Every structure is written in structure tokens, then in C-alpha cells.
Amino acid sequence: MRVRYTEAAFAELGNIFSYIAQHNRVAAAQVVARIEDAAARLARFPQMGTPKYKPGVRMIPLRRYPFLIFYTVEADEILVLSVRHAAQKRPGEGGEFE
């Protein structure tokens, strides 16, 4: 199974990197790498995330860093819908994933 990011999720990764890199580029790269590693694990264990209210959408929290990955499981791929800081407005509070 492969992992694919929506344009929005890819842009969110860029924003996460840019925000953290203002203070520490090495830390920013580490956080983004951890997010990408977690998404890659989903290819092996696609059902490990928690189901959300919107049908087909699942979420996993990132260990060590306060980010949430929202995704769906398609026929042969994981589609990452969004990557958000846990303190951001959550889907369901005016968001689209819950």
C-alpha cells in the first residue's frame, strides 16, 4: 500500500516546517520526518488510527510532537487529508473531517 498526500496536507507540512524553522531548522526537519514516518507506518497498519465521525476518516496522534494526522484508506493507498497541530481548531469545530 502506498501513501499519498492531498495538496492541502502537503501544504500543511510545508507550513509546519516553515513555522518551526523560524527558530530551529534542524528541529523543523525532525518534526516533518517524524510525521512522514508515521504516515508511512499507516501503509503497513492502515487501521491503526481512530475512526472519526465522518465515514472513512481516521486519525492518529503523533508521538512526542503534538500533531494529528487525518487520513482515509482507499483501495490500495493511504490518503493523508490533513496534518494539524493538536491545539489548532479540530475538525468538527467547523472543520471538514468529523
C-alpha atoms as a PDB file:
ATOM      1  CA  MET A   1       0.000   0.000   0.000  1.00  0.00           C
ATOM      2  CA  ARG A   2       1.323   3.448  -0.815  1.00  0.00           C
ATOM      3  CA  VAL A   3       0.870   6.789   0.952  1.00  0.00           C
ATOM      4  CA  ARG A   4      -0.302   9.885  -0.892  1.00  0.00           C
ATOM      5  CA  TYR A   5      -0.845  13.403   0.497  1.00  0.00           C
ATOM      6  CA  THR A   6      -3.578  15.764  -0.633  1.00  0.00           C
ATOM      7  CA  GLU A   7      -2.386  19.165  -1.792  1.00  0.00           C
ATOM      8  CA  ALA A   8      -3.780  20.637   1.436  1.00  0.00           C
ATOM      9  CA  ALA A   9      -1.885  18.126   3.630  1.00  0.00           C
ATOM     10  CA  PHE A  10       1.317  18.723   1.675  1.00  0.00           C
ATOM     11  CA  ALA A  11       0.903  22.489   2.155  1.00  0.00           C
ATOM     12  CA  GLU A  12       0.291  21.947   5.887  1.00  0.00           C
ATOM     13  CA  LEU A  13       3.585  20.028   6.133  1.00  0.00           C
ATOM     14  CA  GLY A  14       5.320  22.962   4.488  1.00  0.00           C
ATOM     15  CA  ASN A  15       3.688  25.381   6.914  1.00  0.00           C
ATOM     16  CA  ILE A  16       4.710  23.244   9.893  1.00  0.00           C
ATOM     17  CA  PHE A  17       8.293  23.192   8.651  1.00  0.00           C
ATOM     18  CA  SER A  18       8.333  26.939   7.985  1.00  0.00           C
ATOM     19  CA  TYR A  19       6.914  27.826  11.387  1.00  0.00           C
ATOM     20  CA  ILE A  20       9.336  25.671  13.361  1.00  0.00           C
ATOM     21  CA  ALA A  21      12.293  26.576  11.114  1.00  0.00           C
ATOM     22  CA  GLN A  22      11.972  30.219  12.153  1.00  0.00           C
ATOM     23  CA  HIS A  23      13.564  29.105  15.416  1.00  0.00           C
ATOM     24  CA  ASN A  24      15.359  25.864  14.536  1.00  0.00           C
ATOM     25  CA  ARG A  25      15.702  24.339  11.031  1.00  0.00           C
ATOM     26  CA  VAL A  26      17.060  21.038  12.365  1.00  0.00           C
ATOM     27  CA  ALA A  27      14.075  20.621  14.698  1.00  0.00           C
ATOM     28  CA  ALA A  28      11.713  21.509  11.847  1.00  0.00           C
ATOM     29  CA  ALA A  29      13.201  18.785   9.660  1.00  0.00           C
ATOM     30  CA  GLN A  30      12.951  16.287  12.520  1.00  0.00           C
ATOM     31  CA  VAL A  31       9.270  17.042  13.122  1.00  0.00           C
ATOM     32  CA  VAL A  32       8.377  16.733   9.439  1.00  0.00           C
ATOM     33  CA  ALA A  33      10.388  13.494   9.193  1.00  0.00           C
ATOM     34  CA  ARG A  34       8.505  12.096  12.191  1.00  0.00           C
ATOM     35  CA  ILE A  35       5.173  12.997  10.559  1.00  0.00           C
ATOM     36  CA  GLU A  36       6.240  11.334   7.297  1.00  0.00           C
ATOM     37  CA  ASP A  37       7.432   8.220   9.188  1.00  0.00           C
ATOM     38  CA  ALA A  38       4.072   7.948  10.976  1.00  0.00           C
ATOM     39  CA  ALA A  39       2.235   8.248   7.658  1.00  0.00           C
ATOM     40  CA  ALA A  40       4.491   5.579   6.147  1.00  0.00           C
ATOM     41  CA  ARG A  41       3.624   3.218   9.040  1.00  0.00           C
ATOM     42  CA  LEU A  42      -0.003   3.562   8.022  1.00  0.00           C
ATOM     43  CA  ALA A  43       0.838   1.743   4.798  1.00  0.00           C
ATOM     44  CA  ARG A  44       1.654  -1.341   6.903  1.00  0.00           C
ATOM     45  CA  PHE A  45      -1.073  -0.833   9.526  1.00  0.00           C
ATOM     46  CA  PRO A  46      -3.862   1.167   7.849  1.00  0.00           C
ATOM     47  CA  GLN A  47      -6.475   0.552  10.547  1.00  0.00           C
ATOM     48  CA  MET A  48      -4.311   1.764  13.456  1.00  0.00           C
ATOM     49  CA  GLY A  49      -5.942   5.196  13.542  1.00  0.00           C
ATOM     50  CA  THR A  50      -9.083   6.104  15.438  1.00  0.00           C
ATOM     51  CA  PRO A  51     -12.250   6.312  13.314  1.00  0.00           C
ATOM     52  CA  LYS A  52     -13.741   9.803  13.226  1.00  0.00           C
ATOM     53  CA  TYR A  53     -17.359  10.854  12.753  1.00  0.00           C
ATOM     54  CA  LYS A  54     -17.077  11.413   9.012  1.00  0.00           C
ATOM     55  CA  PRO A  55     -17.282   7.962   7.366  1.00  0.00           C
ATOM     56  CA  GLY A  56     -13.940   6.562   6.275  1.00  0.00           C
ATOM     57  CA  VAL A  57     -11.804   9.198   8.028  1.00  0.00           C
ATOM     58  CA  ARG A  58      -9.308   8.042  10.654  1.00  0.00           C
ATOM     59  CA  MET A  59      -6.834   9.956  12.833  1.00  0.00           C
ATOM     60  CA  ILE A  60      -3.548   9.133  14.535  1.00  0.00           C
ATOM     61  CA  PRO A  61      -1.732  11.363  17.004  1.00  0.00           C
ATOM     62  CA  LEU A  62       1.991  11.767  16.565  1.00  0.00           C
ATOM     63  CA  ARG A  63       4.083  10.576  19.470  1.00  0.00           C
ATOM     64  CA  ARG A  64       6.402  13.124  21.059  1.00  0.00           C
ATOM     65  CA  TYR A  65       5.053  16.008  18.982  1.00  0.00           C
ATOM     66  CA  PRO A  66       1.537  17.497  19.230  1.00  0.00           C
ATOM     67  CA  PHE A  67       0.348  16.794  15.688  1.00  0.00           C
ATOM     68  CA  LEU A  68      -2.624  14.836  14.361  1.00  0.00           C
ATOM     69  CA  ILE A  69      -2.726  13.044  11.010  1.00  0.00           C
ATOM     70  CA  PHE A  70      -6.152  12.631   9.373  1.00  0.00           C
ATOM     71  CA  TYR A  71      -6.400  10.054   6.594  1.00  0.00           C
ATOM     72  CA  THR A  72      -8.586   7.647   4.644  1.00  0.00           C
ATOM     73  CA  VAL A  73      -7.855   4.129   3.467  1.00  0.00           C
ATOM     74  CA  GLU A  74      -8.509   3.764  -0.244  1.00  0.00           C
ATOM     75  CA  ALA A  75      -8.336   0.506  -2.216  1.00  0.00           C
ATOM     76  CA  ASP A  76      -4.543   0.399  -2.442  1.00  0.00           C
ATOM     77  CA  GLU A  77      -3.383   3.594  -0.756  1.00  0.00           C
ATOM     78  CA  ILE A  78      -3.467   5.757   2.324  1.00  0.00           C
ATOM     79  CA  LEU A  79      -4.634   9.283   1.517  1.00  0.00           C
ATOM     80  CA  VAL A  80      -3.395  11.822   4.073  1.00  0.00           C
ATOM     81  CA  LEU A  81      -6.062  14.502   4.240  1.00  0.00           C
ATOM     82  CA  SER A  82      -4.614  16.840   6.842  1.00  0.00           C
ATOM     83  CA  VAL A  83      -1.788  17.277   9.337  1.00  0.00           C
ATOM     84  CA  ARG A  84      -2.640  19.647  12.171  1.00  0.00           C
ATOM     85  CA  HIS A  85      -1.219  20.808  15.459  1.00  0.00           C
ATOM     86  CA  ALA A  86      -3.346  19.366  18.254  1.00  0.00           C
ATOM     87  CA  ALA A  87      -4.041  22.867  19.608  1.00  0.00           C
ATOM     88  CA  GLN A  88      -5.483  24.063  16.279  1.00  0.00           C
ATOM     89  CA  LYS A  89      -9.217  24.147  15.730  1.00  0.00           C
ATOM     90  CA  ARG A  90     -10.090  20.496  15.358  1.00  0.00           C
ATOM     91  CA  PRO A  91     -12.171  19.057  12.588  1.00  0.00           C
ATOM     92  CA  GLY A  92     -15.743  19.004  13.827  1.00  0.00           C
ATOM     93  CA  GLU A  93     -15.362  22.506  15.262  1.00  0.00           C
ATOM     94  CA  GLY A  94     -16.064  23.984  11.889  1.00  0.00           C
ATOM     95  CA  GLY A  95     -13.629  21.579  10.191  1.00  0.00           C
ATOM     96  CA  GLU A  96     -14.321  19.058   7.479  1.00  0.00           C
ATOM     97  CA  PHE A  97     -13.153  15.688   8.812  1.00  0.00           C
ATOM     98  CA  GLU A  98     -15.518  14.882  11.642  1.00  0.00           C
END
